[in-house]
Amino acid sequence: MHPLYNRASMLTDKIIGAAIDVHRHFGPGLLESIYVKCLEYELNLQGLNTKREVPVIIEYKGYTFNECLRVDLLVEDCVIIEAKAVDKDSEDMEYYKAQTLSYMKLMNIPLGLVINFNNPRLGDRGIRRIILKGAD
């Protein structure tokens, strides 16, 4: 089990609740960047440590480089949030899930959430929870 998994798992309810609060306030149809900043603020109001636009550093056999990858939000250094505001759901969400999983692997983060704020209701396939293989 990943040492941060239990903490990350406990945080997901708070994160999802905060995302729903932001979505209830604005509804669908805004730019992704607005949702991310408001979600960051909402999570900070709840006392959670967040970092926005976190660079993903890649390490390979002592070689370290930055490939211009950025995580939308990192919560408490154990949950990655990839926020979206896209129309299509099924095909795009699979791509965003794979993107988030890549970030999780590279950063050794046990849990990720892909949140598509462009859904009429977030609970209707707007939130996807991703667990790093072996983390649970």
C-alpha atoms as a PDB file:
ATOM      1  CA  MET A   1       0.000   0.000   0.000  1.00  0.00           C
ATOM      2  CA  HIS A   2       1.172   3.502  -0.825  1.00  0.00           C
ATOM      3  CA  PRO A   3       2.034   5.430   2.367  1.00  0.00           C
ATOM      4  CA  LEU A   4      -0.196   8.361   1.337  1.00  0.00           C
ATOM      5  CA  TYR A   5      -3.156   6.317   0.087  1.00  0.00           C
ATOM      6  CA  ASN A   6      -5.302   6.391   3.248  1.00  0.00           C
ATOM      7  CA  ARG A   7      -4.864  10.145   3.620  1.00  0.00           C
ATOM      8  CA  ALA A   8      -5.627  10.691  -0.069  1.00  0.00           C
ATOM      9  CA  SER A   9      -8.691   8.479   0.060  1.00  0.00           C
ATOM     10  CA  MET A  10     -10.072  10.364   3.054  1.00  0.00           C
ATOM     11  CA  LEU A  11      -9.597  13.687   1.243  1.00  0.00           C
ATOM     12  CA  THR A  12     -11.560  12.770  -1.863  1.00  0.00           C
ATOM     13  CA  ASP A  13     -14.969  13.379  -0.248  1.00  0.00           C
ATOM     14  CA  LYS A  14     -13.900  16.890   0.782  1.00  0.00           C
ATOM     15  CA  ILE A  15     -12.460  17.600  -2.657  1.00  0.00           C
ATOM     16  CA  ILE A  16     -15.560  16.350  -4.451  1.00  0.00           C
ATOM     17  CA  GLY A  17     -17.764  18.392  -2.108  1.00  0.00           C
ATOM     18  CA  ALA A  18     -15.713  21.503  -2.847  1.00  0.00           C
ATOM     19  CA  ALA A  19     -15.937  20.865  -6.595  1.00  0.00           C
ATOM     20  CA  ILE A  20     -19.712  20.494  -6.320  1.00  0.00           C
ATOM     21  CA  ASP A  21     -19.899  23.805  -4.409  1.00  0.00           C
ATOM     22  CA  VAL A  22     -17.972  25.576  -7.170  1.00  0.00           C
ATOM     23  CA  HIS A  23     -20.108  23.923  -9.835  1.00  0.00           C
ATOM     24  CA  ARG A  24     -23.357  24.839  -8.040  1.00  0.00           C
ATOM     25  CA  HIS A  25     -22.230  28.458  -7.942  1.00  0.00           C
ATOM     26  CA  PHE A  26     -21.252  28.775 -11.624  1.00  0.00           C
ATOM     27  CA  GLY A  27     -22.785  25.809 -13.421  1.00  0.00           C
ATOM     28  CA  PRO A  28     -21.239  24.596 -16.678  1.00  0.00           C
ATOM     29  CA  GLY A  29     -19.885  26.808 -19.431  1.00  0.00           C
ATOM     30  CA  LEU A  30     -16.866  28.643 -18.012  1.00  0.00           C
ATOM     31  CA  LEU A  31     -13.188  28.327 -18.795  1.00  0.00           C
ATOM     32  CA  GLU A  32     -11.249  25.593 -17.014  1.00  0.00           C
ATOM     33  CA  SER A  33      -8.894  28.132 -15.419  1.00  0.00           C
ATOM     34  CA  ILE A  34     -11.776  29.804 -13.562  1.00  0.00           C
ATOM     35  CA  TYR A  35     -12.950  26.498 -12.101  1.00  0.00           C
ATOM     36  CA  VAL A  36      -9.404  25.605 -11.038  1.00  0.00           C
ATOM     37  CA  LYS A  37      -8.814  28.915  -9.233  1.00  0.00           C
ATOM     38  CA  CYS A  38     -12.198  28.774  -7.506  1.00  0.00           C
ATOM     39  CA  LEU A  39     -11.693  25.132  -6.494  1.00  0.00           C
ATOM     40  CA  GLU A  40      -8.272  26.001  -5.126  1.00  0.00           C
ATOM     41  CA  TYR A  41      -9.824  28.822  -3.089  1.00  0.00           C
ATOM     42  CA  GLU A  42     -12.643  26.586  -1.824  1.00  0.00           C
ATOM     43  CA  LEU A  43     -10.165  23.905  -0.727  1.00  0.00           C
ATOM     44  CA  ASN A  44      -8.038  26.532   1.024  1.00  0.00           C
ATOM     45  CA  LEU A  45     -11.149  27.744   2.877  1.00  0.00           C
ATOM     46  CA  GLN A  46     -11.496  24.184   4.154  1.00  0.00           C
ATOM     47  CA  GLY A  47      -7.945  24.289   5.471  1.00  0.00           C
ATOM     48  CA  LEU A  48      -6.387  22.091   2.795  1.00  0.00           C
ATOM     49  CA  ASN A  49      -2.969  22.825   1.344  1.00  0.00           C
ATOM     50  CA  THR A  50      -3.150  23.183  -2.428  1.00  0.00           C
ATOM     51  CA  LYS A  51      -0.665  23.923  -5.171  1.00  0.00           C
ATOM     52  CA  ARG A  52      -1.741  25.058  -8.634  1.00  0.00           C
ATOM     53  CA  GLU A  53       0.095  24.414 -11.920  1.00  0.00           C
ATOM     54  CA  VAL A  54       2.654  22.093 -10.322  1.00  0.00           C
ATOM     55  CA  PRO A  55       5.433  21.121 -12.739  1.00  0.00           C
ATOM     56  CA  VAL A  56       5.939  17.392 -13.272  1.00  0.00           C
ATOM     57  CA  ILE A  57       9.624  16.590 -13.019  1.00  0.00           C
ATOM     58  CA  ILE A  58      10.759  13.415 -14.774  1.00  0.00           C
ATOM     59  CA  GLU A  59      13.626  11.359 -13.382  1.00  0.00           C
ATOM     60  CA  TYR A  60      15.313   8.539 -15.255  1.00  0.00           C
ATOM     61  CA  LYS A  61      18.501   6.837 -14.026  1.00  0.00           C
ATOM     62  CA  GLY A  62      19.850  10.022 -12.488  1.00  0.00           C
ATOM     63  CA  TYR A  63      18.723  12.177 -15.414  1.00  0.00           C
ATOM     64  CA  THR A  64      16.152  14.784 -14.406  1.00  0.00           C
ATOM     65  CA  PHE A  65      14.207  16.951 -16.807  1.00  0.00           C
ATOM     66  CA  ASN A  66      11.008  18.950 -17.148  1.00  0.00           C
ATOM     67  CA  GLU A  67       8.749  18.112 -20.088  1.00  0.00           C
ATOM     68  CA  CYS A  68       6.428  21.135 -19.628  1.00  0.00           C
ATOM     69  CA  LEU A  69       3.808  18.994 -17.896  1.00  0.00           C
ATOM     70  CA  ARG A  70       1.737  20.694 -15.201  1.00  0.00           C
ATOM     71  CA  VAL A  71      -0.778  19.339 -12.724  1.00  0.00           C
ATOM     72  CA  ASP A  72      -3.836  21.582 -12.363  1.00  0.00           C
ATOM     73  CA  LEU A  73      -4.052  21.123  -8.584  1.00  0.00           C
ATOM     74  CA  LEU A  74      -2.136  19.071  -6.047  1.00  0.00           C
ATOM     75  CA  VAL A  75      -3.969  18.711  -2.731  1.00  0.00           C
ATOM     76  CA  GLU A  76      -2.027  17.926   0.446  1.00  0.00           C
ATOM     77  CA  ASP A  77       0.753  16.434  -1.719  1.00  0.00           C
ATOM     78  CA  CYS A  78      -1.313  13.269  -2.152  1.00  0.00           C
ATOM     79  CA  VAL A  79      -4.209  13.923  -4.593  1.00  0.00           C
ATOM     80  CA  ILE A  80      -3.911  15.204  -8.157  1.00  0.00           C
ATOM     81  CA  ILE A  81      -6.854  17.069  -9.634  1.00  0.00           C
ATOM     82  CA  GLU A  82      -7.117  17.427 -13.375  1.00  0.00           C
ATOM     83  CA  ALA A  83      -9.928  19.903 -14.070  1.00  0.00           C
ATOM     84  CA  LYS A  84     -11.670  20.044 -17.422  1.00  0.00           C
ATOM     85  CA  ALA A  85     -14.455  22.022 -19.065  1.00  0.00           C
ATOM     86  CA  VAL A  86     -15.099  19.947 -22.175  1.00  0.00           C
ATOM     87  CA  ASP A  87     -18.257  18.997 -24.054  1.00  0.00           C
ATOM     88  CA  LYS A  88     -17.500  15.418 -24.997  1.00  0.00           C
ATOM     89  CA  ASP A  89     -17.442  12.967 -22.147  1.00  0.00           C
ATOM     90  CA  SER A  90     -16.635   9.366 -23.028  1.00  0.00           C
ATOM     91  CA  GLU A  91     -13.657   9.607 -25.416  1.00  0.00           C
ATOM     92  CA  ASP A  92     -12.101  12.721 -23.900  1.00  0.00           C
ATOM     93  CA  MET A  93     -12.447  11.461 -20.343  1.00  0.00           C
ATOM     94  CA  GLU A  94     -10.459   8.330 -21.181  1.00  0.00           C
ATOM     95  CA  TYR A  95      -7.651  10.519 -22.519  1.00  0.00           C
ATOM     96  CA  TYR A  96      -7.739  12.758 -19.410  1.00  0.00           C
ATOM     97  CA  LYS A  97      -7.760   9.729 -17.131  1.00  0.00           C
ATOM     98  CA  ALA A  98      -4.624   8.429 -18.898  1.00  0.00           C
ATOM     99  CA  GLN A  99      -3.015  11.873 -18.642  1.00  0.00           C
ATOM    100  CA  THR A 100      -3.747  12.039 -14.912  1.00  0.00           C
ATOM    101  CA  LEU A 101      -2.456   8.505 -14.369  1.00  0.00           C
ATOM    102  CA  SER A 102       0.795   9.489 -16.107  1.00  0.00           C
ATOM    103  CA  TYR A 103       1.195  12.431 -13.722  1.00  0.00           C
ATOM    104  CA  MET A 104       0.457  10.159 -10.775  1.00  0.00           C
ATOM    105  CA  LYS A 105       3.104   7.639 -11.860  1.00  0.00           C
ATOM    106  CA  LEU A 106       5.751  10.297 -12.491  1.00  0.00           C
ATOM    107  CA  MET A 107       5.080  12.068  -9.172  1.00  0.00           C
ATOM    108  CA  ASN A 108       4.317   8.925  -7.118  1.00  0.00           C
ATOM    109  CA  ILE A 109       0.908  10.269  -6.052  1.00  0.00           C
ATOM    110  CA  PRO A 110      -1.577   7.534  -5.064  1.00  0.00           C
ATOM    111  CA  LEU A 111      -4.866   9.098  -6.111  1.00  0.00           C
ATOM    112  CA  GLY A 112      -6.215  11.412  -8.790  1.00  0.00           C
ATOM    113  CA  LEU A 113      -9.520  12.999  -9.722  1.00  0.00           C
ATOM    114  CA  VAL A 114     -10.547  14.129 -13.192  1.00  0.00           C
ATOM    115  CA  ILE A 115     -13.357  16.657 -12.837  1.00  0.00           C
ATOM    116  CA  ASN A 116     -15.286  17.832 -15.902  1.00  0.00           C
ATOM    117  CA  PHE A 117     -17.072  21.018 -14.861  1.00  0.00           C
ATOM    118  CA  ASN A 118     -18.922  21.231 -18.181  1.00  0.00           C
ATOM    119  CA  ASN A 119     -21.505  18.623 -17.125  1.00  0.00           C
ATOM    120  CA  PRO A 120     -24.958  19.854 -16.108  1.00  0.00           C
ATOM    121  CA  ARG A 121     -24.430  17.908 -12.854  1.00  0.00           C
ATOM    122  CA  LEU A 122     -21.000  16.806 -11.649  1.00  0.00           C
ATOM    123  CA  GLY A 123     -22.429  13.599 -10.213  1.00  0.00           C
ATOM    124  CA  ASP A 124     -23.507  12.495 -13.702  1.00  0.00           C
ATOM    125  CA  ARG A 125     -20.152  11.148 -14.937  1.00  0.00           C
ATOM    126  CA  GLY A 126     -18.389  14.447 -14.298  1.00  0.00           C
ATOM    127  CA  ILE A 127     -15.933  13.064 -11.724  1.00  0.00           C
ATOM    128  CA  ARG A 128     -13.567  10.144 -12.229  1.00  0.00           C
ATOM    129  CA  ARG A 129     -11.438   8.714  -9.410  1.00  0.00           C
ATOM    130  CA  ILE A 130      -8.135   7.107 -10.394  1.00  0.00           C
ATOM    131  CA  ILE A 131      -5.985   4.949  -8.129  1.00  0.00           C
ATOM    132  CA  LEU A 132      -2.312   4.354  -8.835  1.00  0.00           C
ATOM    133  CA  LYS A 133      -1.733   0.635  -9.400  1.00  0.00           C
ATOM    134  CA  GLY A 134      -0.779  -1.026  -6.126  1.00  0.00           C
ATOM    135  CA  ALA A 135      -1.514   2.085  -4.057  1.00  0.00           C
ATOM    136  CA  ASP A 136      -4.508   0.559  -2.345  1.00  0.00           C
END
